């Protein structure tokens, strides 16, 4: 599956962990914008963090999230679970080397 352009700002891309919504033409996922927003960053601060995107991109990402909260929240949870599993495996591996 190739990229699917949903709007001029949002596209769907396949990846190792499933199809994800991205800012069109960028490596920034919608879920990244959502997490930064939840951290309290303003749209202007998000653009300052990633100056290749626009305010319209940020607002489009948030609009996509509000239209698809279950999808994005599930992806965030899946990524957190995967990170926890990797951290746990890494700790187990380090403990095994110390024995």
Foldseek 3Di string as FASTA:
>chain_A
DAWADPDQFWIWGQDPVGIFIAGPPDPHGLLNLVVVVVVPDDLVRVCVVVVVDDSVNSVVSVVVCVVPVVVSVVVVVVVVVVVVVVVVVVVVVVVVVVD
